[in-house]
Amino acid sequence: MMKTRLLVFLLLPVIANAAPARFGAQGTAGGQGAAGNAAEPGTQLCDGTGNGPGAGLGMRAGTGPAQRRGGGAGLCQQQGTCPLTTITPVVPTTLPGAELIYAVEEERVARDLYLTAAERWSLRVFERIARSEAQHEAAVTQLAGSVAVTLPVAARGVYATPELQKLYTDSLVLVNESEVAALRVGALVEESDIAELRRLAGVATDDGTRAVLAHMEQASTRHLNAFVRSLARFGESYQPQVLAVEDFVALIVPRG
């Protein structure tokens, strides 16, 4: 069976013509909770918690950290930019060195494409997700360090893996073509990343590595949602190119 990563080369020429059903944005909510010193609207955080109205000691009104979760997603979930929680594997990773090198460079490709898109177009989603991709790179670099794998020197737009160099070069053409084309590249990259992370989770045999990959998949799912929502704002929709339709639908958070 062809690896997910190789499908991207075949799919890049067709993503501009994808015509799927639309998916919308996830709602937001401010946090509410007890204890504090004055009443203020909830401030959205990654998990929907925040500062909110409450009664302090002695029943005096006041503000303080809200302790209950808000009724919806926090702002970073809506934007697909919640920071990745760093998980340090207890034991050395069981992923092969070649897989680790490829995975690190794969994250660099995504980050570099998004940085270019952020510079080319006035869409903040690219800048935000580029920062998250840098966190993904750091997480995989940590795994590589656990088994003393030497990684290629990082340079923007330059990769030691020929396959990834071609992927970056071909994708860059679309990124510079239009905002919609750039967003489609982003959605395809994240969809492919999810499939690849699931594949790697099947290769790894230690719980530490699987936990890191699971957190990365969660973040990539938020990124995919962010790109799909951004396309919807342009009146465009995105059709799954890598994942099965039912798997894709299960990942997309509907509007409202």
Protein backbone atom coordinates (compact mmCIF):
# COMPACT_ATOMS: atom_id res chain seq x y z
CA MET A 1 0.00 0.00 0.00
CA MET A 2 1.30 3.47 -0.90
CA LYS A 3 2.32 5.52 2.12
CA THR A 4 0.17 8.57 2.87
CA ARG A 5 3.09 10.94 2.39
CA LEU A 6 3.46 9.88 -1.27
CA LEU A 7 -0.17 10.62 -2.08
CA VAL A 8 0.45 14.34 -1.74
CA PHE A 9 2.40 14.44 -5.00
CA LEU A 10 -0.56 12.99 -6.86
CA LEU A 11 -3.14 15.18 -5.14
CA LEU A 12 -1.56 18.64 -5.40
CA PRO A 13 -2.69 19.18 -9.03
CA VAL A 14 -6.34 18.48 -8.20
CA ILE A 15 -6.96 20.28 -4.91
CA ALA A 16 -7.79 23.56 -6.63
CA ASN A 17 -10.79 21.88 -8.27
CA ALA A 18 -12.17 20.10 -5.19
CA ALA A 19 -15.92 20.59 -4.72
CA PRO A 20 -17.05 19.08 -1.39
CA ALA A 21 -19.89 19.74 0.96
CA ARG A 22 -19.23 22.62 3.31
CA PHE A 23 -18.38 22.51 6.95
CA GLY A 24 -18.62 25.48 9.27
CA ALA A 25 -17.00 27.03 12.29
CA GLN A 26 -17.00 25.91 15.87
CA GLY A 27 -18.75 28.11 18.42
CA THR A 28 -17.03 29.96 21.25
CA ALA A 29 -17.87 30.60 24.86
CA GLY A 30 -16.44 32.51 27.75
CA GLY A 31 -15.60 30.83 31.04
CA GLN A 32 -17.79 31.17 34.10
CA GLY A 33 -16.93 30.10 37.60
CA ALA A 34 -16.97 30.68 41.28
CA ALA A 35 -14.58 32.74 43.42
CA GLY A 36 -13.08 36.08 42.52
CA ASN A 37 -13.20 39.77 43.20
CA ALA A 38 -15.44 41.52 40.52
CA ALA A 39 -17.71 40.47 37.66
CA GLU A 40 -16.18 40.48 34.18
CA PRO A 41 -16.93 38.59 30.95
CA GLY A 42 -15.22 35.25 30.63
CA THR A 43 -11.87 35.27 28.85
CA GLN A 44 -11.47 32.42 26.38
CA LEU A 45 -8.57 30.05 26.86
CA CYS A 46 -7.63 26.84 25.12
CA ASP A 47 -10.10 24.65 26.98
CA GLY A 48 -12.93 27.16 27.34
CA THR A 49 -11.97 28.13 30.89
CA GLY A 50 -11.32 31.72 31.83
CA ASN A 51 -11.91 34.58 34.22
CA GLY A 52 -15.56 35.05 35.04
CA PRO A 53 -18.08 36.46 37.50
CA GLY A 54 -18.30 34.95 40.95
CA ALA A 55 -18.77 35.56 44.64
CA GLY A 56 -15.61 35.77 46.73
CA LEU A 57 -15.06 34.98 50.38
CA GLY A 58 -17.67 36.70 52.55
CA MET A 59 -20.00 37.00 49.55
CA ARG A 60 -18.20 40.13 48.28
CA ALA A 61 -18.32 40.61 44.55
CA GLY A 62 -14.95 40.32 42.88
CA THR A 63 -12.94 38.88 40.00
CA GLY A 64 -10.78 35.83 40.05
CA PRO A 65 -9.88 32.80 37.98
CA ALA A 66 -12.96 31.00 36.79
CA GLN A 67 -12.90 27.33 37.65
CA ARG A 68 -15.68 26.02 35.48
CA ARG A 69 -15.35 25.33 31.79
CA GLY A 70 -17.20 27.55 29.37
CA GLY A 71 -19.98 26.14 27.26
CA GLY A 72 -17.99 26.11 24.04
CA ALA A 73 -14.53 25.99 22.58
CA GLY A 74 -11.88 28.51 23.56
CA LEU A 75 -10.47 30.94 21.01
CA CYS A 76 -7.36 28.92 20.20
CA GLN A 77 -9.49 25.85 19.44
CA GLN A 78 -11.62 27.93 17.08
CA GLN A 79 -8.49 29.19 15.33
CA GLY A 80 -6.71 25.86 15.39
CA THR A 81 -3.79 27.23 17.36
CA CYS A 82 -3.84 25.74 20.86
CA PRO A 83 -0.26 25.06 21.95
CA LEU A 84 0.94 21.49 21.93
CA THR A 85 1.53 20.11 25.40
CA THR A 86 5.08 18.79 25.60
CA ILE A 87 5.25 15.16 26.66
CA THR A 88 8.64 13.74 27.52
CA PRO A 89 8.83 10.02 26.72
CA VAL A 90 9.76 7.91 29.74
CA VAL A 91 11.78 5.54 27.56
CA PRO A 92 13.61 6.06 24.24
CA THR A 93 11.28 6.19 21.27
CA THR A 94 10.71 3.01 19.30
CA LEU A 95 10.32 4.84 15.99
CA PRO A 96 13.12 4.10 13.50
CA GLY A 97 15.63 6.86 12.84
CA ALA A 98 14.57 7.25 9.20
CA GLU A 99 10.96 7.81 10.26
CA LEU A 100 12.03 10.45 12.78
CA ILE A 101 14.14 12.35 10.25
CA TYR A 102 11.31 12.33 7.73
CA ALA A 103 8.76 13.40 10.35
CA VAL A 104 10.88 16.35 11.48
CA GLU A 105 11.41 17.55 7.92
CA GLU A 106 7.73 17.04 7.17
CA GLU A 107 6.84 19.43 9.99
CA ARG A 108 9.41 21.90 8.66
CA VAL A 109 7.79 21.79 5.22
CA ALA A 110 4.40 22.63 6.73
CA ARG A 111 5.84 25.44 8.84
CA ASP A 112 7.78 26.95 5.92
CA LEU A 113 4.78 26.82 3.58
CA TYR A 114 2.58 28.51 6.17
CA LEU A 115 5.18 31.20 6.86
CA THR A 116 5.33 31.98 3.14
CA ALA A 117 1.53 32.05 2.92
CA ALA A 118 1.39 34.38 5.93
CA GLU A 119 3.80 36.76 4.21
CA ARG A 120 1.99 36.56 0.86
CA TRP A 121 -1.62 36.84 2.03
CA SER A 122 -3.39 38.75 4.80
CA LEU A 123 -4.69 35.61 6.51
CA ARG A 124 -3.62 35.29 10.14
CA VAL A 125 -4.49 31.59 10.22
CA PHE A 126 -1.20 30.80 8.47
CA GLU A 127 0.96 32.68 10.96
CA ARG A 128 -0.78 31.07 13.91
CA ILE A 129 -0.57 27.53 12.59
CA ALA A 130 3.06 28.03 11.53
CA ARG A 131 3.88 28.61 15.20
CA SER A 132 2.12 25.38 16.10
CA GLU A 133 4.05 23.48 13.43
CA ALA A 134 7.27 24.70 15.04
CA GLN A 135 6.05 23.08 18.26
CA HIS A 136 5.38 19.85 16.39
CA GLU A 137 8.91 19.96 15.00
CA ALA A 138 10.25 20.43 18.53
CA ALA A 139 8.22 17.46 19.79
CA VAL A 140 9.58 15.12 17.10
CA THR A 141 13.08 16.51 17.61
CA GLN A 142 12.76 15.54 21.25
CA LEU A 143 11.83 12.01 20.23
CA ALA A 144 14.83 11.86 17.91
CA GLY A 145 17.05 13.06 20.73
CA SER A 146 15.90 10.19 22.93
CA VAL A 147 17.70 7.77 20.60
CA ALA A 148 20.52 10.12 19.54
CA VAL A 149 19.35 10.47 15.92
CA THR A 150 21.25 13.21 14.08
CA LEU A 151 18.83 15.48 12.24
CA PRO A 152 19.56 17.47 9.06
CA VAL A 153 20.48 21.13 9.54
CA ALA A 154 17.32 23.24 9.44
CA ALA A 155 17.14 25.93 6.75
CA ARG A 156 13.91 27.46 5.52
CA GLY A 157 12.83 25.94 2.23
CA VAL A 158 15.74 23.48 2.12
CA TYR A 159 15.34 19.80 3.04
CA ALA A 160 17.65 16.81 3.00
CA THR A 161 14.88 14.50 1.78
CA PRO A 162 14.44 14.91 -2.03
CA GLU A 163 10.81 13.83 -1.82
CA LEU A 164 10.03 16.60 0.65
CA GLN A 165 12.04 19.15 -1.30
CA LYS A 166 9.86 18.47 -4.35
CA LEU A 167 6.70 18.58 -2.23
CA TYR A 168 7.68 21.99 -0.88
CA THR A 169 8.59 23.37 -4.30
CA ASP A 170 5.38 22.15 -5.93
CA SER A 171 3.21 23.33 -3.03
CA LEU A 172 4.85 26.74 -3.02
CA VAL A 173 3.53 27.42 -6.52
CA LEU A 174 -0.03 26.95 -5.27
CA VAL A 175 0.59 28.90 -2.07
CA ASN A 176 1.59 31.92 -4.16
CA GLU A 177 -1.25 31.47 -6.65
CA SER A 178 -4.18 32.68 -4.53
CA GLU A 179 -5.55 32.78 -1.00
CA VAL A 180 -7.95 29.93 -1.73
CA ALA A 181 -5.24 27.77 -3.30
CA ALA A 182 -3.00 28.40 -0.29
CA LEU A 183 -5.78 27.38 2.09
CA ARG A 184 -6.37 24.21 0.08
CA VAL A 185 -2.68 23.37 0.38
CA GLY A 186 -2.97 23.87 4.13
CA ALA A 187 -5.99 21.60 4.39
CA LEU A 188 -4.29 18.89 2.30
CA VAL A 189 -1.10 19.11 4.37
CA GLU A 190 -3.03 18.74 7.63
CA GLU A 191 -5.22 15.93 6.31
CA SER A 192 -2.11 14.07 5.14
CA ASP A 193 -0.40 14.78 8.45
CA ILE A 194 -3.26 13.21 10.39
CA ALA A 195 -3.08 10.05 8.29
CA GLU A 196 0.72 9.93 8.66
CA LEU A 197 0.58 10.42 12.44
CA ARG A 198 -1.87 7.55 12.69
CA ARG A 199 0.47 5.39 10.64
CA LEU A 200 3.42 6.26 12.88
CA ALA A 201 1.35 5.46 15.97
CA GLY A 202 0.98 1.96 14.55
CA VAL A 203 4.75 1.70 14.08
CA ALA A 204 5.68 2.90 17.58
CA THR A 205 5.47 0.37 20.38
CA ASP A 206 6.11 2.63 23.40
CA ASP A 207 3.44 4.63 25.19
CA GLY A 208 5.53 7.82 25.36
CA THR A 209 5.84 8.12 21.59
CA ARG A 210 2.20 7.24 21.07
CA ALA A 211 1.19 9.98 23.50
CA VAL A 212 3.26 12.57 21.62
CA LEU A 213 1.76 11.46 18.30
CA ALA A 214 -1.77 11.57 19.74
CA HIS A 215 -1.29 15.16 20.90
CA MET A 216 0.10 16.11 17.50
CA GLU A 217 -2.90 14.52 15.80
CA GLN A 218 -5.26 16.52 17.99
CA ALA A 219 -3.47 19.72 17.01
CA SER A 220 -3.49 18.79 13.31
CA THR A 221 -7.22 18.17 13.56
CA ARG A 222 -7.69 21.71 14.88
CA HIS A 223 -5.52 23.02 12.04
CA LEU A 224 -7.60 21.13 9.47
CA ASN A 225 -10.78 22.62 10.93
CA ALA A 226 -9.26 26.10 10.82
CA PHE A 227 -8.40 25.78 7.12
CA VAL A 228 -11.81 24.34 6.26
CA ARG A 229 -13.52 27.23 8.07
CA SER A 230 -11.28 29.75 6.31
CA LEU A 231 -12.20 28.26 2.93
CA ALA A 232 -15.88 28.51 3.86
CA ARG A 233 -15.46 32.24 4.44
CA PHE A 234 -14.41 32.51 0.78
CA GLY A 235 -17.51 30.55 -0.23
CA GLU A 236 -15.35 27.50 -0.90
CA SER A 237 -15.46 23.98 0.48
CA TYR A 238 -12.93 21.20 0.87
CA GLN A 239 -13.28 17.57 -0.12
CA PRO A 240 -11.14 14.95 1.65
CA GLN A 241 -8.27 13.82 -0.53
CA VAL A 242 -6.51 11.36 1.79
CA LEU A 243 -8.82 10.31 4.61
CA ALA A 244 -11.96 8.27 4.09
CA VAL A 245 -15.03 10.51 3.88
CA GLU A 246 -16.48 9.16 7.11
CA ASP A 247 -13.18 9.74 8.94
CA PHE A 248 -12.96 13.27 7.59
CA VAL A 249 -16.54 14.12 8.56
CA ALA A 250 -15.90 12.81 12.07
CA LEU A 251 -13.01 15.28 12.46
CA ILE A 252 -14.79 18.40 11.21
CA VAL A 253 -16.66 20.46 13.79
CA PRO A 254 -19.91 21.85 12.31
CA ARG A 255 -20.86 25.51 12.59
CA GLY A 256 -22.97 26.73 15.50
